Amino acid sequence: MKRIKNIQTEQLIKELKTLAIKENVKFWKRIATELEKPSNNRRIVNISKIDKLSKEGEIILVPGKVLSSGELTHKVTITAYAFSDSAKSKILAVGKVLSLNELMKENPKAKGIRILG
């Protein structure tokens, strides 16, 4: 069976690899590798897990999808490949949501970013 390619995902992976080389930061290469996996093998994380494993003010990156189960009790910045609509609403009520592209521009050296999944 032929795999369907998502042009936006392919472009994001290319940008991640380019940034990894440009800034000499292996972190972005690792995220690109995670996103190259088939979509059914990507990480899925609930808000409850993010709340449990994160600290106030942290930057959390999920190389997959964030779902809305649970509540967020402290302010964090969350970046993910995808968010459910209700998860995004719950996060924005307490913290901040960034796209991967925004995070790459704001923090090209990947300082202080934590991967969850």
C-alpha atoms as a PDB file:
ATOM      1  CA  MET A   1       0.000   0.000   0.000  1.00  0.00           C
ATOM      2  CA  LYS A   2       1.379   3.385  -0.995  1.00  0.00           C
ATOM      3  CA  ARG A   3       1.847   5.924   1.786  1.00  0.00           C
ATOM      4  CA  ILE A   4       0.121   9.275   1.282  1.00  0.00           C
ATOM      5  CA  LYS A   5       2.481  12.190   1.796  1.00  0.00           C
ATOM      6  CA  ASN A   6       1.495  15.395   3.504  1.00  0.00           C
ATOM      7  CA  ILE A   7       3.263  18.301   1.803  1.00  0.00           C
ATOM      8  CA  GLN A   8       3.092  20.534   4.890  1.00  0.00           C
ATOM      9  CA  THR A   9       4.632  17.838   7.082  1.00  0.00           C
ATOM     10  CA  GLU A  10       7.363  17.200   4.507  1.00  0.00           C
ATOM     11  CA  GLN A  11       8.156  20.947   4.449  1.00  0.00           C
ATOM     12  CA  LEU A  12       8.267  21.119   8.265  1.00  0.00           C
ATOM     13  CA  ILE A  13      10.639  18.137   8.413  1.00  0.00           C
ATOM     14  CA  LYS A  14      12.874  19.800   5.841  1.00  0.00           C
ATOM     15  CA  GLU A  15      12.908  23.058   7.856  1.00  0.00           C
ATOM     16  CA  LEU A  16      13.721  21.165  11.071  1.00  0.00           C
ATOM     17  CA  LYS A  17      16.668  19.399   9.425  1.00  0.00           C
ATOM     18  CA  THR A  18      17.920  22.663   7.901  1.00  0.00           C
ATOM     19  CA  LEU A  19      17.762  24.402  11.301  1.00  0.00           C
ATOM     20  CA  ALA A  20      19.559  21.466  12.929  1.00  0.00           C
ATOM     21  CA  ILE A  21      22.446  21.849  10.484  1.00  0.00           C
ATOM     22  CA  LYS A  22      22.484  25.661  10.546  1.00  0.00           C
ATOM     23  CA  GLU A  23      22.486  25.958  14.357  1.00  0.00           C
ATOM     24  CA  ASN A  24      24.402  22.691  14.922  1.00  0.00           C
ATOM     25  CA  VAL A  25      21.637  21.493  17.279  1.00  0.00           C
ATOM     26  CA  LYS A  26      20.810  17.774  17.206  1.00  0.00           C
ATOM     27  CA  PHE A  27      17.524  18.395  19.024  1.00  0.00           C
ATOM     28  CA  TRP A  28      15.777  19.577  15.834  1.00  0.00           C
ATOM     29  CA  LYS A  29      17.065  16.550  13.892  1.00  0.00           C
ATOM     30  CA  ARG A  30      15.534  14.319  16.564  1.00  0.00           C
ATOM     31  CA  ILE A  31      12.159  16.048  16.202  1.00  0.00           C
ATOM     32  CA  ALA A  32      12.351  15.700  12.410  1.00  0.00           C
ATOM     33  CA  THR A  33      13.022  11.971  12.815  1.00  0.00           C
ATOM     34  CA  GLU A  34       9.981  11.646  15.110  1.00  0.00           C
ATOM     35  CA  LEU A  35       7.760  13.398  12.556  1.00  0.00           C
ATOM     36  CA  GLU A  36       8.995  11.153   9.732  1.00  0.00           C
ATOM     37  CA  LYS A  37       7.296   8.204  11.419  1.00  0.00           C
ATOM     38  CA  PRO A  38       3.880   7.159  10.102  1.00  0.00           C
ATOM     39  CA  SER A  39       1.092   9.201  11.707  1.00  0.00           C
ATOM     40  CA  ASN A  40      -0.290   6.197  13.587  1.00  0.00           C
ATOM     41  CA  ASN A  41       3.130   5.784  15.292  1.00  0.00           C
ATOM     42  CA  ARG A  42       3.441   9.390  16.497  1.00  0.00           C
ATOM     43  CA  ARG A  43       3.144  10.236  20.162  1.00  0.00           C
ATOM     44  CA  ILE A  44      -0.214  11.073  21.708  1.00  0.00           C
ATOM     45  CA  VAL A  45      -0.178  12.912  25.041  1.00  0.00           C
ATOM     46  CA  ASN A  46      -3.038  14.018  27.280  1.00  0.00           C
ATOM     47  CA  ILE A  47      -3.018  17.313  29.170  1.00  0.00           C
ATOM     48  CA  SER A  48      -3.068  15.366  32.452  1.00  0.00           C
ATOM     49  CA  LYS A  49       0.314  13.831  31.613  1.00  0.00           C
ATOM     50  CA  ILE A  50       1.773  17.220  30.672  1.00  0.00           C
ATOM     51  CA  ASP A  51       0.484  18.685  33.952  1.00  0.00           C
ATOM     52  CA  LYS A  52       1.953  15.812  35.961  1.00  0.00           C
ATOM     53  CA  LEU A  53       5.401  15.812  34.303  1.00  0.00           C
ATOM     54  CA  SER A  54       5.992  19.537  33.753  1.00  0.00           C
ATOM     55  CA  LYS A  55       6.935  22.447  35.985  1.00  0.00           C
ATOM     56  CA  GLU A  56       5.749  26.050  36.013  1.00  0.00           C
ATOM     57  CA  GLY A  57       7.201  28.061  33.117  1.00  0.00           C
ATOM     58  CA  GLU A  58       8.615  25.106  31.153  1.00  0.00           C
ATOM     59  CA  ILE A  59       8.541  24.732  27.381  1.00  0.00           C
ATOM     60  CA  ILE A  60       7.105  21.334  26.453  1.00  0.00           C
ATOM     61  CA  LEU A  61       7.320  19.840  22.969  1.00  0.00           C
ATOM     62  CA  VAL A  62       5.167  16.899  21.894  1.00  0.00           C
ATOM     63  CA  PRO A  63       6.227  15.433  18.524  1.00  0.00           C
ATOM     64  CA  GLY A  64       2.693  14.225  17.962  1.00  0.00           C
ATOM     65  CA  LYS A  65      -0.786  15.188  19.135  1.00  0.00           C
ATOM     66  CA  VAL A  66      -2.006  16.700  22.414  1.00  0.00           C
ATOM     67  CA  LEU A  67      -5.439  15.547  23.591  1.00  0.00           C
ATOM     68  CA  SER A  68      -7.698  17.234  26.147  1.00  0.00           C
ATOM     69  CA  SER A  69      -8.083  14.621  28.879  1.00  0.00           C
ATOM     70  CA  GLY A  70      -7.261  16.223  32.232  1.00  0.00           C
ATOM     71  CA  GLU A  71      -6.630  19.761  33.431  1.00  0.00           C
ATOM     72  CA  LEU A  72      -3.596  22.039  33.308  1.00  0.00           C
ATOM     73  CA  THR A  73      -2.909  23.591  36.726  1.00  0.00           C
ATOM     74  CA  HIS A  74       0.192  25.671  36.017  1.00  0.00           C
ATOM     75  CA  LYS A  75       1.502  27.948  33.283  1.00  0.00           C
ATOM     76  CA  VAL A  76       3.538  26.174  30.602  1.00  0.00           C
ATOM     77  CA  THR A  77       4.247  26.735  26.923  1.00  0.00           C
ATOM     78  CA  ILE A  78       3.260  23.735  24.829  1.00  0.00           C
ATOM     79  CA  THR A  79       4.319  23.028  21.271  1.00  0.00           C
ATOM     80  CA  ALA A  80       3.076  20.035  19.333  1.00  0.00           C
ATOM     81  CA  TYR A  81       2.617  18.774  15.816  1.00  0.00           C
ATOM     82  CA  ALA A  82      -1.166  18.832  16.408  1.00  0.00           C
ATOM     83  CA  PHE A  83      -3.708  19.702  19.103  1.00  0.00           C
ATOM     84  CA  SER A  84      -7.319  18.693  19.537  1.00  0.00           C
ATOM     85  CA  ASP A  85      -9.533  21.798  19.624  1.00  0.00           C
ATOM     86  CA  SER A  86     -10.540  21.220  23.236  1.00  0.00           C
ATOM     87  CA  ALA A  87      -6.918  20.646  24.315  1.00  0.00           C
ATOM     88  CA  LYS A  88      -5.897  23.951  22.745  1.00  0.00           C
ATOM     89  CA  SER A  89      -8.701  25.759  24.605  1.00  0.00           C
ATOM     90  CA  LYS A  90      -7.718  24.221  27.956  1.00  0.00           C
ATOM     91  CA  ILE A  91      -4.045  25.111  27.471  1.00  0.00           C
ATOM     92  CA  LEU A  92      -4.785  28.694  26.417  1.00  0.00           C
ATOM     93  CA  ALA A  93      -6.861  29.190  29.578  1.00  0.00           C
ATOM     94  CA  VAL A  94      -3.709  28.720  31.678  1.00  0.00           C
ATOM     95  CA  GLY A  95      -0.629  28.687  29.450  1.00  0.00           C
ATOM     96  CA  LYS A  96       0.579  29.292  25.924  1.00  0.00           C
ATOM     97  CA  VAL A  97       0.433  27.323  22.662  1.00  0.00           C
ATOM     98  CA  LEU A  98       3.104  27.627  19.961  1.00  0.00           C
ATOM     99  CA  SER A  99       3.382  25.964  16.580  1.00  0.00           C
ATOM    100  CA  LEU A 100       6.623  24.154  15.780  1.00  0.00           C
ATOM    101  CA  ASN A 101       7.500  26.897  13.284  1.00  0.00           C
ATOM    102  CA  GLU A 102       7.017  29.601  15.937  1.00  0.00           C
ATOM    103  CA  LEU A 103       9.167  27.692  18.433  1.00  0.00           C
ATOM    104  CA  MET A 104      11.918  27.213  15.847  1.00  0.00           C
ATOM    105  CA  LYS A 105      11.996  30.987  15.225  1.00  0.00           C
ATOM    106  CA  GLU A 106      11.829  31.950  18.914  1.00  0.00           C
ATOM    107  CA  ASN A 107      14.332  29.366  20.160  1.00  0.00           C
ATOM    108  CA  PRO A 108      16.643  28.156  17.349  1.00  0.00           C
ATOM    109  CA  LYS A 109      19.202  26.807  19.849  1.00  0.00           C
ATOM    110  CA  ALA A 110      16.464  24.734  21.561  1.00  0.00           C
ATOM    111  CA  LYS A 111      17.441  25.894  25.054  1.00  0.00           C
ATOM    112  CA  GLY A 112      15.177  24.749  27.874  1.00  0.00           C
ATOM    113  CA  ILE A 113      12.807  22.694  25.712  1.00  0.00           C
ATOM    114  CA  ARG A 114      11.622  19.369  27.070  1.00  0.00           C
ATOM    115  CA  ILE A 115      10.204  16.544  24.941  1.00  0.00           C
ATOM    116  CA  LEU A 116       7.223  14.613  26.300  1.00  0.00           C
ATOM    117  CA  GLY A 117       5.549  11.612  24.837  1.00  0.00           C
END
